[in-house]
């Protein structure tokens, strides 16, 4: 049987893998993505672990919020944070609990 190509039913064919294929798929919503209508609150930087790139903010309710250097506004230099700075931030659900994003100086 030389030259015979097996016939695969249309419902079992794999779509070609290309850039257009992945862009046409609906994007899954991640639980830590920014949502519209986020609440902005104020707090104080409690602790910064500069060698690992993250820190913690204490909110007005006394709760601690994790933040990563990627969650800072461009106006804040992560390397200059030491703790005690007053900041505003948005709270969103992270993979390990609430996290602060869009952190800006108050």
C-alpha atoms as a PDB file:
ATOM      1  CA  UNK A   1       0.000   0.000   0.000  1.00  0.00           C
ATOM      2  CA  UNK A   2       2.445   2.589  -1.156  1.00  0.00           C
ATOM      3  CA  UNK A   3       1.089   6.106  -1.534  1.00  0.00           C
ATOM      4  CA  UNK A   4      -2.029   5.558   0.577  1.00  0.00           C
ATOM      5  CA  UNK A   5      -2.734   8.324   3.081  1.00  0.00           C
ATOM      6  CA  UNK A   6      -4.911   7.339   6.034  1.00  0.00           C
ATOM      7  CA  UNK A   7      -8.134   9.289   6.190  1.00  0.00           C
ATOM      8  CA  UNK A   8      -8.744  11.078   9.481  1.00  0.00           C
ATOM      9  CA  UNK A   9     -12.286  12.234  10.263  1.00  0.00           C
ATOM     10  CA  UNK A  10     -12.661  16.020  10.396  1.00  0.00           C
ATOM     11  CA  UNK A  11     -13.596  16.018  14.085  1.00  0.00           C
ATOM     12  CA  UNK A  12     -10.344  14.268  15.025  1.00  0.00           C
ATOM     13  CA  UNK A  13      -7.954  16.481  13.054  1.00  0.00           C
ATOM     14  CA  UNK A  14      -5.557  18.663  15.002  1.00  0.00           C
ATOM     15  CA  UNK A  15      -5.605  22.360  14.090  1.00  0.00           C
ATOM     16  CA  UNK A  16      -2.305  23.702  12.814  1.00  0.00           C
ATOM     17  CA  UNK A  17      -0.164  25.232  15.510  1.00  0.00           C
ATOM     18  CA  UNK A  18       0.545  28.792  14.557  1.00  0.00           C
ATOM     19  CA  UNK A  19       0.383  32.289  15.919  1.00  0.00           C
ATOM     20  CA  UNK A  20      -3.160  32.812  14.624  1.00  0.00           C
ATOM     21  CA  UNK A  21      -4.389  29.664  16.352  1.00  0.00           C
ATOM     22  CA  UNK A  22      -3.439  30.826  19.830  1.00  0.00           C
ATOM     23  CA  UNK A  23      -4.682  34.378  19.311  1.00  0.00           C
ATOM     24  CA  UNK A  24      -8.149  33.117  18.259  1.00  0.00           C
ATOM     25  CA  UNK A  25      -8.656  31.187  21.475  1.00  0.00           C
ATOM     26  CA  UNK A  26     -10.502  32.959  24.272  1.00  0.00           C
ATOM     27  CA  UNK A  27      -8.124  33.983  27.015  1.00  0.00           C
ATOM     28  CA  UNK A  28      -8.650  32.384  30.406  1.00  0.00           C
ATOM     29  CA  UNK A  29      -9.224  34.818  33.236  1.00  0.00           C
ATOM     30  CA  UNK A  30      -6.616  34.499  35.939  1.00  0.00           C
ATOM     31  CA  UNK A  31      -7.730  35.088  39.531  1.00  0.00           C
ATOM     32  CA  UNK A  32      -5.001  37.678  40.083  1.00  0.00           C
ATOM     33  CA  UNK A  33      -5.721  39.827  37.030  1.00  0.00           C
ATOM     34  CA  UNK A  34      -6.755  43.433  37.462  1.00  0.00           C
ATOM     35  CA  UNK A  35     -10.496  43.862  37.521  1.00  0.00           C
ATOM     36  CA  UNK A  36     -12.403  46.991  36.599  1.00  0.00           C
ATOM     37  CA  UNK A  37     -13.770  48.962  39.518  1.00  0.00           C
ATOM     38  CA  UNK A  38     -10.951  48.000  41.879  1.00  0.00           C
ATOM     39  CA  UNK A  39     -10.974  49.698  45.262  1.00  0.00           C
ATOM     40  CA  UNK A  40      -7.993  51.923  46.025  1.00  0.00           C
ATOM     41  CA  UNK A  41      -6.914  52.014  49.653  1.00  0.00           C
ATOM     42  CA  UNK A  42      -4.037  53.482  51.650  1.00  0.00           C
ATOM     43  CA  UNK A  43      -1.445  51.776  53.765  1.00  0.00           C
ATOM     44  CA  UNK A  44       2.124  51.786  55.014  1.00  0.00           C
ATOM     45  CA  UNK A  45       5.038  49.750  53.707  1.00  0.00           C
ATOM     46  CA  UNK A  46       5.877  47.419  56.584  1.00  0.00           C
ATOM     47  CA  UNK A  47       8.763  45.375  55.276  1.00  0.00           C
ATOM     48  CA  UNK A  48      10.771  45.128  52.038  1.00  0.00           C
ATOM     49  CA  UNK A  49      12.825  42.083  51.076  1.00  0.00           C
ATOM     50  CA  UNK A  50      14.911  43.783  48.397  1.00  0.00           C
ATOM     51  CA  UNK A  51      17.078  40.816  47.416  1.00  0.00           C
ATOM     52  CA  UNK A  52      13.935  38.785  46.573  1.00  0.00           C
ATOM     53  CA  UNK A  53      11.925  41.632  45.005  1.00  0.00           C
ATOM     54  CA  UNK A  54       8.850  41.780  47.229  1.00  0.00           C
ATOM     55  CA  UNK A  55       7.486  43.249  50.430  1.00  0.00           C
ATOM     56  CA  UNK A  56       4.423  43.748  52.592  1.00  0.00           C
ATOM     57  CA  UNK A  57       2.031  46.644  53.141  1.00  0.00           C
ATOM     58  CA  UNK A  58      -0.171  47.088  56.213  1.00  0.00           C
ATOM     59  CA  UNK A  59      -3.644  48.337  55.303  1.00  0.00           C
ATOM     60  CA  UNK A  60      -5.911  50.531  57.424  1.00  0.00           C
ATOM     61  CA  UNK A  61      -7.640  47.386  58.703  1.00  0.00           C
ATOM     62  CA  UNK A  62      -4.327  46.022  60.058  1.00  0.00           C
ATOM     63  CA  UNK A  63      -4.189  43.306  57.406  1.00  0.00           C
ATOM     64  CA  UNK A  64      -0.917  42.638  55.562  1.00  0.00           C
ATOM     65  CA  UNK A  65      -0.831  42.655  51.778  1.00  0.00           C
ATOM     66  CA  UNK A  66       1.940  41.125  49.700  1.00  0.00           C
ATOM     67  CA  UNK A  67       3.390  43.207  46.855  1.00  0.00           C
ATOM     68  CA  UNK A  68       5.920  42.406  44.159  1.00  0.00           C
ATOM     69  CA  UNK A  69       8.230  44.896  42.506  1.00  0.00           C
ATOM     70  CA  UNK A  70       6.254  44.395  39.262  1.00  0.00           C
ATOM     71  CA  UNK A  71       3.139  45.711  41.042  1.00  0.00           C
ATOM     72  CA  UNK A  72       4.692  49.127  41.705  1.00  0.00           C
ATOM     73  CA  UNK A  73       3.839  52.222  39.701  1.00  0.00           C
ATOM     74  CA  UNK A  74       6.687  53.502  37.506  1.00  0.00           C
ATOM     75  CA  UNK A  75       7.064  56.519  39.802  1.00  0.00           C
ATOM     76  CA  UNK A  76       8.279  54.318  42.701  1.00  0.00           C
ATOM     77  CA  UNK A  77      11.838  52.995  42.779  1.00  0.00           C
ATOM     78  CA  UNK A  78      11.736  49.606  44.508  1.00  0.00           C
ATOM     79  CA  UNK A  79      15.410  49.817  45.481  1.00  0.00           C
ATOM     80  CA  UNK A  80      14.752  52.972  47.530  1.00  0.00           C
ATOM     81  CA  UNK A  81      11.911  51.521  49.619  1.00  0.00           C
ATOM     82  CA  UNK A  82      12.916  50.820  53.226  1.00  0.00           C
ATOM     83  CA  UNK A  83       9.598  50.720  55.078  1.00  0.00           C
ATOM     84  CA  UNK A  84       7.350  53.305  56.686  1.00  0.00           C
ATOM     85  CA  UNK A  85       6.331  54.959  53.403  1.00  0.00           C
ATOM     86  CA  UNK A  86       2.664  55.838  53.012  1.00  0.00           C
ATOM     87  CA  UNK A  87       1.230  54.349  49.805  1.00  0.00           C
ATOM     88  CA  UNK A  88      -2.034  53.844  47.945  1.00  0.00           C
ATOM     89  CA  UNK A  89      -2.775  50.522  46.282  1.00  0.00           C
ATOM     90  CA  UNK A  90      -5.424  48.244  44.822  1.00  0.00           C
ATOM     91  CA  UNK A  91      -6.148  44.838  46.344  1.00  0.00           C
ATOM     92  CA  UNK A  92      -6.611  41.762  44.188  1.00  0.00           C
ATOM     93  CA  UNK A  93      -6.695  38.040  44.810  1.00  0.00           C
ATOM     94  CA  UNK A  94      -3.303  36.431  44.324  1.00  0.00           C
ATOM     95  CA  UNK A  95      -2.371  32.758  44.170  1.00  0.00           C
ATOM     96  CA  UNK A  96      -1.526  32.723  47.899  1.00  0.00           C
ATOM     97  CA  UNK A  97      -3.896  35.379  49.202  1.00  0.00           C
ATOM     98  CA  UNK A  98      -4.613  39.078  48.738  1.00  0.00           C
ATOM     99  CA  UNK A  99      -1.919  41.122  47.031  1.00  0.00           C
ATOM    100  CA  UNK A 100      -1.353  44.817  46.439  1.00  0.00           C
ATOM    101  CA  UNK A 101      -0.980  46.129  42.886  1.00  0.00           C
ATOM    102  CA  UNK A 102      -0.693  49.598  41.363  1.00  0.00           C
ATOM    103  CA  UNK A 103       1.249  50.709  44.448  1.00  0.00           C
ATOM    104  CA  UNK A 104       1.891  54.473  44.427  1.00  0.00           C
ATOM    105  CA  UNK A 105       3.128  56.987  46.964  1.00  0.00           C
ATOM    106  CA  UNK A 106       0.322  58.683  48.876  1.00  0.00           C
END
